[in-house]
Amino acid sequence: MVVVTFIFAVGLAFAAAFFALQNPTLVAANFFGVTVEGSLAVFVLLGLGVGFLIGVLVMLPGRIKSGISNSRNRRRIAELETSSGSRQAAPAPKKPSQSTPE
């Protein structure tokens, strides 16, 4: 899945760069009363960058929570393996043998 996502991201980056090179037109953007003039390509790439940043910030809390949970689970598994190892070191009681009548 990571490979597919990476290929998609690289493809999107190439498409955005190609689009930017094809559209050098000057445009004016109004943002809360502030007018900024610039190349259409700059605004498109800026929009992609802001979208990427928002996506990372939205995913970050979940990734941190998963990392903490995984770390806690690894520690718990190590503790259980240690306690299980100490139990296995003691000889297990033998079962009485069942002899078959001859």
C-alpha atoms as a PDB file:
ATOM      1  CA  MET A   1       0.000   0.000   0.000  1.00  0.00           C
ATOM      2  CA  VAL A   2       2.885   2.355   0.768  1.00  0.00           C
ATOM      3  CA  VAL A   3       4.317   1.832  -2.713  1.00  0.00           C
ATOM      4  CA  VAL A   4       0.989   2.666  -4.358  1.00  0.00           C
ATOM      5  CA  THR A   5       0.682   5.827  -2.257  1.00  0.00           C
ATOM      6  CA  PHE A   6       4.248   6.845  -3.107  1.00  0.00           C
ATOM      7  CA  ILE A   7       3.655   6.305  -6.839  1.00  0.00           C
ATOM      8  CA  PHE A   8       0.441   8.342  -6.626  1.00  0.00           C
ATOM      9  CA  ALA A   9       2.240  11.175  -4.796  1.00  0.00           C
ATOM     10  CA  VAL A  10       5.082  11.282  -7.332  1.00  0.00           C
ATOM     11  CA  GLY A  11       2.583  11.261 -10.192  1.00  0.00           C
ATOM     12  CA  LEU A  12       0.647  14.115  -8.614  1.00  0.00           C
ATOM     13  CA  ALA A  13       3.853  16.097  -8.108  1.00  0.00           C
ATOM     14  CA  PHE A  14       4.835  15.637 -11.772  1.00  0.00           C
ATOM     15  CA  ALA A  15       1.337  16.603 -12.917  1.00  0.00           C
ATOM     16  CA  ALA A  16       1.402  19.745 -10.766  1.00  0.00           C
ATOM     17  CA  ALA A  17       4.856  20.711 -12.049  1.00  0.00           C
ATOM     18  CA  PHE A  18       3.766  20.123 -15.651  1.00  0.00           C
ATOM     19  CA  PHE A  19       0.619  22.188 -15.081  1.00  0.00           C
ATOM     20  CA  ALA A  20       2.700  24.949 -13.507  1.00  0.00           C
ATOM     21  CA  LEU A  21       5.060  25.089 -16.480  1.00  0.00           C
ATOM     22  CA  GLN A  22       2.129  25.280 -18.902  1.00  0.00           C
ATOM     23  CA  ASN A  23       0.353  28.140 -17.054  1.00  0.00           C
ATOM     24  CA  PRO A  24       2.645  31.123 -16.484  1.00  0.00           C
ATOM     25  CA  THR A  25      -0.331  33.514 -16.631  1.00  0.00           C
ATOM     26  CA  LEU A  26      -0.455  36.281 -14.034  1.00  0.00           C
ATOM     27  CA  VAL A  27      -3.534  36.210 -11.819  1.00  0.00           C
ATOM     28  CA  ALA A  28      -4.758  38.228  -8.857  1.00  0.00           C
ATOM     29  CA  ALA A  29      -5.904  36.448  -5.711  1.00  0.00           C
ATOM     30  CA  ASN A  30      -7.993  38.092  -2.986  1.00  0.00           C
ATOM     31  CA  PHE A  31      -7.591  36.653   0.492  1.00  0.00           C
ATOM     32  CA  PHE A  32      -9.541  38.434   3.236  1.00  0.00           C
ATOM     33  CA  GLY A  33      -9.255  41.756   1.454  1.00  0.00           C
ATOM     34  CA  VAL A  34      -5.578  41.401   0.598  1.00  0.00           C
ATOM     35  CA  THR A  35      -4.918  41.287  -3.133  1.00  0.00           C
ATOM     36  CA  VAL A  36      -1.863  39.389  -4.285  1.00  0.00           C
ATOM     37  CA  GLU A  37      -0.737  39.093  -7.890  1.00  0.00           C
ATOM     38  CA  GLY A  38       1.346  36.195  -9.050  1.00  0.00           C
ATOM     39  CA  SER A  39       1.707  33.351 -11.491  1.00  0.00           C
ATOM     40  CA  LEU A  40      -1.102  30.831 -11.666  1.00  0.00           C
ATOM     41  CA  ALA A  41       1.517  28.120 -11.248  1.00  0.00           C
ATOM     42  CA  VAL A  42       2.630  29.597  -7.921  1.00  0.00           C
ATOM     43  CA  PHE A  43      -0.918  29.620  -6.605  1.00  0.00           C
ATOM     44  CA  VAL A  44      -1.553  26.037  -7.746  1.00  0.00           C
ATOM     45  CA  LEU A  45       1.675  24.766  -6.159  1.00  0.00           C
ATOM     46  CA  LEU A  46       0.956  26.787  -3.017  1.00  0.00           C
ATOM     47  CA  GLY A  47      -2.502  25.202  -2.828  1.00  0.00           C
ATOM     48  CA  LEU A  48      -1.015  21.707  -3.173  1.00  0.00           C
ATOM     49  CA  GLY A  49       1.540  22.486  -0.475  1.00  0.00           C
ATOM     50  CA  VAL A  50      -1.084  23.810   1.931  1.00  0.00           C
ATOM     51  CA  GLY A  51      -3.272  20.766   1.258  1.00  0.00           C
ATOM     52  CA  PHE A  52      -0.360  18.432   1.953  1.00  0.00           C
ATOM     53  CA  LEU A  53       0.436  20.287   5.186  1.00  0.00           C
ATOM     54  CA  ILE A  54      -3.185  20.117   6.355  1.00  0.00           C
ATOM     55  CA  GLY A  55      -3.278  16.387   5.569  1.00  0.00           C
ATOM     56  CA  VAL A  56      -0.122  15.768   7.604  1.00  0.00           C
ATOM     57  CA  LEU A  57      -1.448  17.785  10.541  1.00  0.00           C
ATOM     58  CA  VAL A  58      -4.757  15.896  10.485  1.00  0.00           C
ATOM     59  CA  MET A  59      -3.008  12.495  10.455  1.00  0.00           C
ATOM     60  CA  LEU A  60      -0.428  13.382  13.104  1.00  0.00           C
ATOM     61  CA  PRO A  61      -2.518  12.801  16.283  1.00  0.00           C
ATOM     62  CA  GLY A  62      -3.600   9.347  15.099  1.00  0.00           C
ATOM     63  CA  ARG A  63      -0.037   8.384  14.180  1.00  0.00           C
ATOM     64  CA  ILE A  64       1.246   9.522  17.582  1.00  0.00           C
ATOM     65  CA  LYS A  65      -1.519   7.603  19.356  1.00  0.00           C
ATOM     66  CA  SER A  66      -0.735   4.448  17.344  1.00  0.00           C
ATOM     67  CA  GLY A  67       2.970   4.790  18.101  1.00  0.00           C
ATOM     68  CA  ILE A  68       2.349   5.104  21.833  1.00  0.00           C
ATOM     69  CA  SER A  69      -0.036   2.142  21.769  1.00  0.00           C
ATOM     70  CA  ASN A  70       2.429   0.004  19.799  1.00  0.00           C
ATOM     71  CA  SER A  71       5.224   0.871  22.208  1.00  0.00           C
ATOM     72  CA  ARG A  72       3.060  -0.027  25.191  1.00  0.00           C
ATOM     73  CA  ASN A  73       2.045  -3.320  23.563  1.00  0.00           C
ATOM     74  CA  ARG A  74       5.678  -4.227  22.760  1.00  0.00           C
ATOM     75  CA  ARG A  75       6.646  -3.617  26.389  1.00  0.00           C
ATOM     76  CA  ARG A  76       3.720  -5.750  27.581  1.00  0.00           C
ATOM     77  CA  ILE A  77       4.656  -8.571  25.199  1.00  0.00           C
ATOM     78  CA  ALA A  78       8.258  -8.484  26.447  1.00  0.00           C
ATOM     79  CA  GLU A  79       7.026  -8.674  30.052  1.00  0.00           C
ATOM     80  CA  LEU A  80       4.735 -11.607  29.234  1.00  0.00           C
ATOM     81  CA  GLU A  81       7.501 -13.434  27.370  1.00  0.00           C
ATOM     82  CA  THR A  82       9.836 -12.945  30.337  1.00  0.00           C
ATOM     83  CA  SER A  83       7.288 -14.237  32.816  1.00  0.00           C
ATOM     84  CA  SER A  84       6.398 -17.118  30.502  1.00  0.00           C
ATOM     85  CA  GLY A  85      10.073 -18.001  30.155  1.00  0.00           C
ATOM     86  CA  SER A  86      10.502 -18.226  33.920  1.00  0.00           C
ATOM     87  CA  ARG A  87       7.516 -20.567  34.150  1.00  0.00           C
ATOM     88  CA  GLN A  88       8.826 -22.784  31.389  1.00  0.00           C
ATOM     89  CA  ALA A  89      12.212 -23.101  33.112  1.00  0.00           C
ATOM     90  CA  ALA A  90      10.606 -25.071  35.949  1.00  0.00           C
ATOM     91  CA  PRO A  91      10.068 -28.738  35.096  1.00  0.00           C
ATOM     92  CA  ALA A  92       6.519 -29.510  34.207  1.00  0.00           C
ATOM     93  CA  PRO A  93       4.783 -32.145  36.306  1.00  0.00           C
ATOM     94  CA  LYS A  94       4.664 -35.498  34.565  1.00  0.00           C
ATOM     95  CA  LYS A  95       1.374 -37.034  33.717  1.00  0.00           C
ATOM     96  CA  PRO A  96       0.779 -40.499  35.054  1.00  0.00           C
ATOM     97  CA  SER A  97       1.384 -42.942  32.261  1.00  0.00           C
ATOM     98  CA  GLN A  98      -1.549 -44.902  31.126  1.00  0.00           C
ATOM     99  CA  SER A  99      -0.618 -48.437  30.421  1.00  0.00           C
ATOM    100  CA  THR A 100      -2.632 -50.529  28.103  1.00  0.00           C
ATOM    101  CA  PRO A 101      -3.734 -53.913  29.374  1.00  0.00           C
ATOM    102  CA  GLU A 102      -2.030 -56.767  27.624  1.00  0.00           C
END
